[in-house]
C-alpha atoms as a PDB file:
ATOM      1  CA  UNK A   1      42.993  -5.986 -13.996  1.00  0.00           C
ATOM      2  CA  UNK A   2      45.980  -4.848 -12.296  1.00  0.00           C
ATOM      3  CA  UNK A   3      46.181  -3.839  -8.377  1.00  0.00           C
ATOM      4  CA  UNK A   4      50.134  -2.753  -8.048  1.00  0.00           C
ATOM      5  CA  UNK A   5      51.877  -0.481  -9.758  1.00  0.00           C
ATOM      6  CA  UNK A   6      55.314  -2.730 -10.794  1.00  0.00           C
ATOM      7  CA  UNK A   7      58.623  -1.291 -11.352  1.00  0.00           C
ATOM      8  CA  UNK A   8      59.043  -0.115 -14.946  1.00  0.00           C
ATOM      9  CA  UNK A   9      60.797  -1.446 -17.746  1.00  0.00           C
ATOM     10  CA  UNK A  10      61.675   0.490 -20.717  1.00  0.00           C
ATOM     11  CA  UNK A  11      59.511  -0.309 -24.178  1.00  0.00           C
ATOM     12  CA  UNK A  12      61.059   0.475 -27.616  1.00  0.00           C
ATOM     13  CA  UNK A  13      59.669   2.057 -30.736  1.00  0.00           C
ATOM     14  CA  UNK A  14      60.713   2.142 -34.493  1.00  0.00           C
ATOM     15  CA  UNK A  15      60.908   5.730 -36.180  1.00  0.00           C
ATOM     16  CA  UNK A  16      57.762   5.635 -38.335  1.00  0.00           C
ATOM     17  CA  UNK A  17      55.536   5.005 -35.186  1.00  0.00           C
ATOM     18  CA  UNK A  18      56.578   8.054 -33.086  1.00  0.00           C
ATOM     19  CA  UNK A  19      53.715  10.171 -34.186  1.00  0.00           C
ATOM     20  CA  UNK A  20      51.455   7.895 -32.081  1.00  0.00           C
ATOM     21  CA  UNK A  21      53.498   9.144 -28.725  1.00  0.00           C
ATOM     22  CA  UNK A  22      50.145  11.109 -28.517  1.00  0.00           C
ATOM     23  CA  UNK A  23      47.385  11.113 -25.893  1.00  0.00           C
ATOM     24  CA  UNK A  24      43.921   9.878 -27.033  1.00  0.00           C
ATOM     25  CA  UNK A  25      42.386  13.129 -27.120  1.00  0.00           C
ATOM     26  CA  UNK A  26      45.396  14.934 -28.924  1.00  0.00           C
ATOM     27  CA  UNK A  27      44.629  12.030 -31.724  1.00  0.00           C
ATOM     28  CA  UNK A  28      40.945  12.392 -31.770  1.00  0.00           C
ATOM     29  CA  UNK A  29      41.438  16.458 -32.124  1.00  0.00           C
ATOM     30  CA  UNK A  30      43.763  15.755 -35.291  1.00  0.00           C
ATOM     31  CA  UNK A  31      41.444  12.827 -36.785  1.00  0.00           C
ATOM     32  CA  UNK A  32      38.063  14.355 -36.003  1.00  0.00           C
ATOM     33  CA  UNK A  33      36.115  11.970 -38.223  1.00  0.00           C
ATOM     34  CA  UNK A  34      36.649   9.521 -35.364  1.00  0.00           C
ATOM     35  CA  UNK A  35      34.785   9.500 -31.785  1.00  0.00           C
ATOM     36  CA  UNK A  36      36.758   6.816 -30.569  1.00  0.00           C
ATOM     37  CA  UNK A  37      39.991   4.685 -31.273  1.00  0.00           C
ATOM     38  CA  UNK A  38      40.800   1.028 -29.952  1.00  0.00           C
ATOM     39  CA  UNK A  39      44.221  -1.034 -30.466  1.00  0.00           C
ATOM     40  CA  UNK A  40      45.183  -4.566 -31.268  1.00  0.00           C
ATOM     41  CA  UNK A  41      48.459  -6.334 -30.580  1.00  0.00           C
ATOM     42  CA  UNK A  42      49.767  -9.540 -32.488  1.00  0.00           C
ATOM     43  CA  UNK A  43      52.401 -11.420 -30.202  1.00  0.00           C
ATOM     44  CA  UNK A  44      54.654 -14.237 -32.182  1.00  0.00           C
ATOM     45  CA  UNK A  45      55.819 -16.987 -30.642  1.00  0.00           C
ATOM     46  CA  UNK A  46      59.293 -18.018 -32.540  1.00  0.00           C
ATOM     47  CA  UNK A  47      59.909 -21.739 -33.741  1.00  0.00           C
ATOM     48  CA  UNK A  48      62.264 -23.765 -32.273  1.00  0.00           C
ATOM     49  CA  UNK A  49      65.694 -24.233 -34.041  1.00  0.00           C
ATOM     50  CA  UNK A  50      64.168 -27.683 -35.437  1.00  0.00           C
ATOM     51  CA  UNK A  51      61.091 -26.226 -36.737  1.00  0.00           C
ATOM     52  CA  UNK A  52      60.664 -27.183 -40.597  1.00  0.00           C
ATOM     53  CA  UNK A  53      60.346 -23.529 -41.936  1.00  0.00           C
ATOM     54  CA  UNK A  54      60.639 -19.956 -40.051  1.00  0.00           C
ATOM     55  CA  UNK A  55      56.522 -20.080 -40.934  1.00  0.00           C
ATOM     56  CA  UNK A  56      56.063 -22.264 -37.977  1.00  0.00           C
ATOM     57  CA  UNK A  57      56.063 -18.888 -35.747  1.00  0.00           C
ATOM     58  CA  UNK A  58      52.972 -18.932 -34.249  1.00  0.00           C
ATOM     59  CA  UNK A  59      50.570 -15.921 -33.216  1.00  0.00           C
ATOM     60  CA  UNK A  60      48.703 -15.568 -30.267  1.00  0.00           C
ATOM     61  CA  UNK A  61      44.740 -15.504 -30.327  1.00  0.00           C
ATOM     62  CA  UNK A  62      42.607 -15.195 -27.065  1.00  0.00           C
ATOM     63  CA  UNK A  63      38.952 -16.304 -27.348  1.00  0.00           C
ATOM     64  CA  UNK A  64      36.158 -14.012 -26.117  1.00  0.00           C
ATOM     65  CA  UNK A  65      34.006 -15.123 -22.874  1.00  0.00           C
ATOM     66  CA  UNK A  66      30.800 -16.592 -23.548  1.00  0.00           C
ATOM     67  CA  UNK A  67      28.719 -13.947 -21.911  1.00  0.00           C
ATOM     68  CA  UNK A  68      30.563 -10.956 -23.478  1.00  0.00           C
ATOM     69  CA  UNK A  69      29.738  -9.605 -27.185  1.00  0.00           C
ATOM     70  CA  UNK A  70      31.078 -11.717 -29.873  1.00  0.00           C
ATOM     71  CA  UNK A  71      30.661 -14.842 -27.627  1.00  0.00           C
ATOM     72  CA  UNK A  72      33.446 -17.566 -28.121  1.00  0.00           C
ATOM     73  CA  UNK A  73      34.821 -15.703 -31.086  1.00  0.00           C
ATOM     74  CA  UNK A  74      38.663 -15.474 -31.585  1.00  0.00           C
ATOM     75  CA  UNK A  75      40.677 -12.164 -31.953  1.00  0.00           C
ATOM     76  CA  UNK A  76      44.388 -10.987 -30.882  1.00  0.00           C
ATOM     77  CA  UNK A  77      44.102  -9.032 -27.653  1.00  0.00           C
ATOM     78  CA  UNK A  78      43.338  -5.457 -27.481  1.00  0.00           C
ATOM     79  CA  UNK A  79      40.830  -2.913 -26.206  1.00  0.00           C
ATOM     80  CA  UNK A  80      39.823   0.788 -26.299  1.00  0.00           C
ATOM     81  CA  UNK A  81      42.529   3.737 -25.503  1.00  0.00           C
ATOM     82  CA  UNK A  82      41.567   5.329 -22.532  1.00  0.00           C
ATOM     83  CA  UNK A  83      41.681   9.082 -21.913  1.00  0.00           C
ATOM     84  CA  UNK A  84      43.645   8.061 -18.542  1.00  0.00           C
ATOM     85  CA  UNK A  85      46.759   6.458 -20.901  1.00  0.00           C
ATOM     86  CA  UNK A  86      49.546   8.960 -21.501  1.00  0.00           C
ATOM     87  CA  UNK A  87      49.729   7.820 -25.376  1.00  0.00           C
ATOM     88  CA  UNK A  88      48.043   5.488 -27.695  1.00  0.00           C
ATOM     89  CA  UNK A  89      50.976   3.276 -27.417  1.00  0.00           C
ATOM     90  CA  UNK A  90      50.729   3.378 -23.437  1.00  0.00           C
ATOM     91  CA  UNK A  91      47.253   1.971 -24.456  1.00  0.00           C
ATOM     92  CA  UNK A  92      48.798  -1.219 -26.371  1.00  0.00           C
ATOM     93  CA  UNK A  93      50.934  -2.044 -23.517  1.00  0.00           C
ATOM     94  CA  UNK A  94      48.166  -1.543 -20.958  1.00  0.00           C
ATOM     95  CA  UNK A  95      45.981  -4.113 -23.046  1.00  0.00           C
ATOM     96  CA  UNK A  96      48.599  -6.514 -23.598  1.00  0.00           C
ATOM     97  CA  UNK A  97      49.396  -6.772 -19.745  1.00  0.00           C
ATOM     98  CA  UNK A  98      45.489  -6.905 -18.944  1.00  0.00           C
ATOM     99  CA  UNK A  99      44.291  -9.473 -21.154  1.00  0.00           C
ATOM    100  CA  UNK A 100      47.303 -11.637 -21.363  1.00  0.00           C
ATOM    101  CA  UNK A 101      49.750 -11.049 -18.478  1.00  0.00           C
ATOM    102  CA  UNK A 102      52.665 -10.303 -21.054  1.00  0.00           C
ATOM    103  CA  UNK A 103      54.606  -7.056 -20.664  1.00  0.00           C
ATOM    104  CA  UNK A 104      55.284  -5.406 -23.580  1.00  0.00           C
ATOM    105  CA  UNK A 105      59.190  -4.098 -24.302  1.00  0.00           C
ATOM    106  CA  UNK A 106      59.104  -3.313 -27.885  1.00  0.00           C
ATOM    107  CA  UNK A 107      56.678  -2.116 -30.966  1.00  0.00           C
ATOM    108  CA  UNK A 108      57.732  -3.880 -34.126  1.00  0.00           C
ATOM    109  CA  UNK A 109      55.427  -2.412 -36.758  1.00  0.00           C
ATOM    110  CA  UNK A 110      51.911  -1.372 -37.581  1.00  0.00           C
ATOM    111  CA  UNK A 111      49.771  -4.004 -39.372  1.00  0.00           C
ATOM    112  CA  UNK A 112      47.749  -2.027 -42.065  1.00  0.00           C
ATOM    113  CA  UNK A 113      46.499   1.092 -42.053  1.00  0.00           C
ATOM    114  CA  UNK A 114      43.552   0.584 -39.432  1.00  0.00           C
ATOM    115  CA  UNK A 115      40.235  -0.740 -39.555  1.00  0.00           C
ATOM    116  CA  UNK A 116      37.380   1.789 -39.604  1.00  0.00           C
ATOM    117  CA  UNK A 117      33.823   0.327 -37.928  1.00  0.00           C
ATOM    118  CA  UNK A 118      30.474   2.149 -36.634  1.00  0.00           C
ATOM    119  CA  UNK A 119      28.831   1.298 -33.377  1.00  0.00           C
ATOM    120  CA  UNK A 120      25.354   2.299 -31.986  1.00  0.00           C
ATOM    121  CA  UNK A 121      22.705   0.811 -34.217  1.00  0.00           C
ATOM    122  CA  UNK A 122      20.125   1.732 -31.547  1.00  0.00           C
ATOM    123  CA  UNK A 123      21.695   4.787 -29.983  1.00  0.00           C
ATOM    124  CA  UNK A 124      23.778   7.493 -30.588  1.00  0.00           C
ATOM    125  CA  UNK A 125      26.335   6.531 -33.320  1.00  0.00           C
ATOM    126  CA  UNK A 126      30.342   6.315 -32.867  1.00  0.00           C
ATOM    127  CA  UNK A 127      32.860   5.972 -35.807  1.00  0.00           C
ATOM    128  CA  UNK A 128      35.979   4.014 -34.471  1.00  0.00           C
ATOM    129  CA  UNK A 129      39.466   3.226 -36.110  1.00  0.00           C
ATOM    130  CA  UNK A 130      41.031   0.170 -34.996  1.00  0.00           C
ATOM    131  CA  UNK A 131      45.206   0.007 -35.046  1.00  0.00           C
ATOM    132  CA  UNK A 132      47.201  -3.229 -34.526  1.00  0.00           C
ATOM    133  CA  UNK A 133      50.823  -3.480 -33.955  1.00  0.00           C
ATOM    134  CA  UNK A 134      52.967  -6.422 -34.027  1.00  0.00           C
ATOM    135  CA  UNK A 135      55.126  -6.051 -30.625  1.00  0.00           C
ATOM    136  CA  UNK A 136      57.533  -8.097 -28.521  1.00  0.00           C
ATOM    137  CA  UNK A 137      57.330  -8.919 -24.872  1.00  0.00           C
ATOM    138  CA  UNK A 138      59.741  -9.474 -22.305  1.00  0.00           C
ATOM    139  CA  UNK A 139      58.541 -13.148 -21.917  1.00  0.00           C
ATOM    140  CA  UNK A 140      59.334 -14.177 -25.370  1.00  0.00           C
ATOM    141  CA  UNK A 141      62.780 -14.040 -26.812  1.00  0.00           C
ATOM    142  CA  UNK A 142      63.240 -13.065 -30.343  1.00  0.00           C
ATOM    143  CA  UNK A 143      65.569 -12.537 -33.118  1.00  0.00           C
ATOM    144  CA  UNK A 144      63.903  -9.528 -34.916  1.00  0.00           C
ATOM    145  CA  UNK A 145      64.852  -6.649 -32.253  1.00  0.00           C
ATOM    146  CA  UNK A 146      68.749  -6.495 -33.558  1.00  0.00           C
ATOM    147  CA  UNK A 147      67.703  -5.776 -36.904  1.00  0.00           C
ATOM    148  CA  UNK A 148      65.313  -2.785 -36.410  1.00  0.00           C
ATOM    149  CA  UNK A 149      66.020   0.670 -35.318  1.00  0.00           C
ATOM    150  CA  UNK A 150      64.243   1.818 -32.314  1.00  0.00           C
ATOM    151  CA  UNK A 151      64.469   4.146 -29.674  1.00  0.00           C
ATOM    152  CA  UNK A 152      63.347   4.078 -25.820  1.00  0.00           C
ATOM    153  CA  UNK A 153      59.904   5.406 -25.528  1.00  0.00           C
ATOM    154  CA  UNK A 154      58.400   5.315 -21.969  1.00  0.00           C
ATOM    155  CA  UNK A 155      58.469   2.885 -19.247  1.00  0.00           C
ATOM    156  CA  UNK A 156      55.057   1.455 -18.635  1.00  0.00           C
ATOM    157  CA  UNK A 157      53.250  -1.716 -17.270  1.00  0.00           C
ATOM    158  CA  UNK A 158      56.045  -4.208 -16.687  1.00  0.00           C
ATOM    159  CA  UNK A 159      56.669  -6.659 -13.852  1.00  0.00           C
ATOM    160  CA  UNK A 160      58.150  -6.030 -10.747  1.00  0.00           C
ATOM    161  CA  UNK A 161      61.068  -8.424 -11.620  1.00  0.00           C
ATOM    162  CA  UNK A 162      61.848  -8.498 -15.522  1.00  0.00           C
ATOM    163  CA  UNK A 163      61.127 -12.044 -16.717  1.00  0.00           C
ATOM    164  CA  UNK A 164      63.801 -13.917 -18.004  1.00  0.00           C
ATOM    165  CA  UNK A 165      63.069 -15.148 -21.773  1.00  0.00           C
ATOM    166  CA  UNK A 166      63.906 -18.324 -23.103  1.00  0.00           C
ATOM    167  CA  UNK A 167      67.142 -18.456 -25.788  1.00  0.00           C
ATOM    168  CA  UNK A 168      66.388 -17.719 -29.027  1.00  0.00           C
ATOM    169  CA  UNK A 169      65.993 -21.365 -30.884  1.00  0.00           C
ATOM    170  CA  UNK A 170      64.658 -23.010 -27.602  1.00  0.00           C
ATOM    171  CA  UNK A 171      61.123 -24.437 -27.158  1.00  0.00           C
ATOM    172  CA  UNK A 172      59.446 -21.446 -25.308  1.00  0.00           C
ATOM    173  CA  UNK A 173      56.677 -22.191 -22.900  1.00  0.00           C
ATOM    174  CA  UNK A 174      55.016 -19.047 -22.211  1.00  0.00           C
ATOM    175  CA  UNK A 175      52.582 -18.605 -19.423  1.00  0.00           C
ATOM    176  CA  UNK A 176      49.315 -16.619 -20.547  1.00  0.00           C
ATOM    177  CA  UNK A 177      47.234 -15.210 -17.669  1.00  0.00           C
ATOM    178  CA  UNK A 178      43.814 -14.506 -19.150  1.00  0.00           C
ATOM    179  CA  UNK A 179      41.403 -12.392 -17.614  1.00  0.00           C
ATOM    180  CA  UNK A 180      38.228 -14.820 -17.218  1.00  0.00           C
ATOM    181  CA  UNK A 181      35.780 -11.580 -17.510  1.00  0.00           C
ATOM    182  CA  UNK A 182      36.960 -11.041 -21.094  1.00  0.00           C
ATOM    183  CA  UNK A 183      38.515 -14.303 -22.552  1.00  0.00           C
ATOM    184  CA  UNK A 184      37.928 -17.902 -21.728  1.00  0.00           C
ATOM    185  CA  UNK A 185      41.074 -19.333 -23.393  1.00  0.00           C
ATOM    186  CA  UNK A 186      44.076 -19.012 -25.703  1.00  0.00           C
ATOM    187  CA  UNK A 187      45.822 -20.733 -28.799  1.00  0.00           C
ATOM    188  CA  UNK A 188      49.099 -20.082 -30.715  1.00  0.00           C
ATOM    189  CA  UNK A 189      48.683 -20.283 -34.666  1.00  0.00           C
ATOM    190  CA  UNK A 190      50.379 -20.217 -37.844  1.00  0.00           C
ATOM    191  CA  UNK A 191      49.536 -19.769 -41.387  1.00  0.00           C
ATOM    192  CA  UNK A 192      48.348 -23.597 -41.563  1.00  0.00           C
ATOM    193  CA  UNK A 193      46.200 -23.124 -38.278  1.00  0.00           C
ATOM    194  CA  UNK A 194      44.859 -19.662 -40.112  1.00  0.00           C
ATOM    195  CA  UNK A 195      43.823 -21.831 -43.414  1.00  0.00           C
ATOM    196  CA  UNK A 196      42.153 -24.559 -41.330  1.00  0.00           C
ATOM    197  CA  UNK A 197      39.425 -21.630 -39.878  1.00  0.00           C
ATOM    198  CA  UNK A 198      38.228 -21.622 -43.882  1.00  0.00           C
ATOM    199  CA  UNK A 199      37.026 -24.762 -43.525  1.00  0.00           C
ATOM    200  CA  UNK A 200      33.432 -25.446 -43.593  1.00  0.00           C
ATOM    201  CA  UNK A 201      33.328 -26.280 -39.849  1.00  0.00           C
ATOM    202  CA  UNK A 202      36.284 -24.803 -38.418  1.00  0.00           C
ATOM    203  CA  UNK A 203      37.631 -25.392 -35.008  1.00  0.00           C
ATOM    204  CA  UNK A 204      37.447 -21.243 -34.381  1.00  0.00           C
ATOM    205  CA  UNK A 205      35.929 -18.145 -35.613  1.00  0.00           C
ATOM    206  CA  UNK A 206      36.761 -14.664 -35.318  1.00  0.00           C
ATOM    207  CA  UNK A 207      35.082 -11.718 -34.033  1.00  0.00           C
ATOM    208  CA  UNK A 208      34.943  -9.847 -37.838  1.00  0.00           C
ATOM    209  CA  UNK A 209      35.868 -10.538 -41.277  1.00  0.00           C
ATOM    210  CA  UNK A 210      38.138  -7.419 -40.532  1.00  0.00           C
ATOM    211  CA  UNK A 211      39.727  -9.231 -37.600  1.00  0.00           C
ATOM    212  CA  UNK A 212      40.178 -12.211 -39.851  1.00  0.00           C
ATOM    213  CA  UNK A 213      42.136 -10.240 -42.408  1.00  0.00           C
ATOM    214  CA  UNK A 214      44.127  -8.334 -40.190  1.00  0.00           C
ATOM    215  CA  UNK A 215      45.278 -11.800 -38.731  1.00  0.00           C
ATOM    216  CA  UNK A 216      46.301 -13.388 -41.937  1.00  0.00           C
ATOM    217  CA  UNK A 217      48.028 -10.050 -42.914  1.00  0.00           C
ATOM    218  CA  UNK A 218      49.972 -10.004 -39.455  1.00  0.00           C
ATOM    219  CA  UNK A 219      51.043 -13.544 -40.208  1.00  0.00           C
ATOM    220  CA  UNK A 220      52.258 -12.795 -43.570  1.00  0.00           C
ATOM    221  CA  UNK A 221      54.033  -9.637 -42.669  1.00  0.00           C
ATOM    222  CA  UNK A 222      56.080 -11.292 -39.993  1.00  0.00           C
ATOM    223  CA  UNK A 223      56.984 -14.296 -41.882  1.00  0.00           C
ATOM    224  CA  UNK A 224      57.931 -12.304 -44.728  1.00  0.00           C
ATOM    225  CA  UNK A 225      60.466 -10.264 -42.158  1.00  0.00           C
ATOM    226  CA  UNK A 226      61.814 -13.830 -40.507  1.00  0.00           C
ATOM    227  CA  UNK A 227      62.692 -15.184 -43.956  1.00  0.00           C
ATOM    228  CA  UNK A 228      64.385 -12.365 -44.871  1.00  0.00           C
ATOM    229  CA  UNK A 229      66.233 -12.081 -41.573  1.00  0.00           C
ATOM    230  CA  UNK A 230      67.113 -15.731 -41.874  1.00  0.00           C
ATOM    231  CA  UNK A 231      68.354 -14.987 -45.712  1.00  0.00           C
ATOM    232  CA  UNK A 232      70.629 -11.982 -44.400  1.00  0.00           C
ATOM    233  CA  UNK A 233      72.092 -14.274 -41.904  1.00  0.00           C
ATOM    234  CA  UNK A 234      72.628 -16.907 -44.586  1.00  0.00           C
ATOM    235  CA  UNK A 235      74.743 -14.549 -46.358  1.00  0.00           C
ATOM    236  CA  UNK A 236      76.947 -13.232 -43.422  1.00  0.00           C
ATOM    237  CA  UNK A 237      77.346 -17.143 -42.553  1.00  0.00           C
ATOM    238  CA  UNK A 238      78.964 -17.435 -46.121  1.00  0.00           C
ATOM    239  CA  UNK A 239      81.203 -14.480 -45.816  1.00  0.00           C
ATOM    240  CA  UNK A 240      82.373 -15.639 -42.848  1.00  0.00           C
END
């Protein structure tokens, strides 16, 4: 989707993800049971300061195009890791940019251990692994970054001018640029919205049950971390 090589900005990773700073080829050689690898990204929009609870943080979903596989179904941004990507984590940054126009700046954590699936019912069968990560982007200000141990990993796929995010606690309006060949709509959901997706006539359906489980795990993991961060801040406030 990108036609120009923009000026790079730094992307950070936690220590427990540094083992993924390898190429697709190196990863597959180390894990011969897999034929291929794909990646996903969970991106959260923090609640405004006057929100009723931290659980109002919302997760970005994108709806697949009507003429794509899994038409009209919902998922998190992501796609295949490509041989041209310097590392697997570069694949995540590239997919986020191509599918949303957002510029990845930080890996927060991996969601679960990954999901395995097989393709090629009518042809050569391939065994895939999908890895999903919670990430932060330049366009959205969060309060999580300072609480985590990160290092600069690489320079990759940022904007020509780094976007100026809103301040923490402000209502944030984030522009999402979809690739219409792949996705037709987007929405931000919280745990309450997710629960509504299990109703008899849900307003949206996920691509797979594995994707649905990953999204729920991402919401719960993120909310637990935010709640702990708020508790820590309350303790500090009482001490000062």
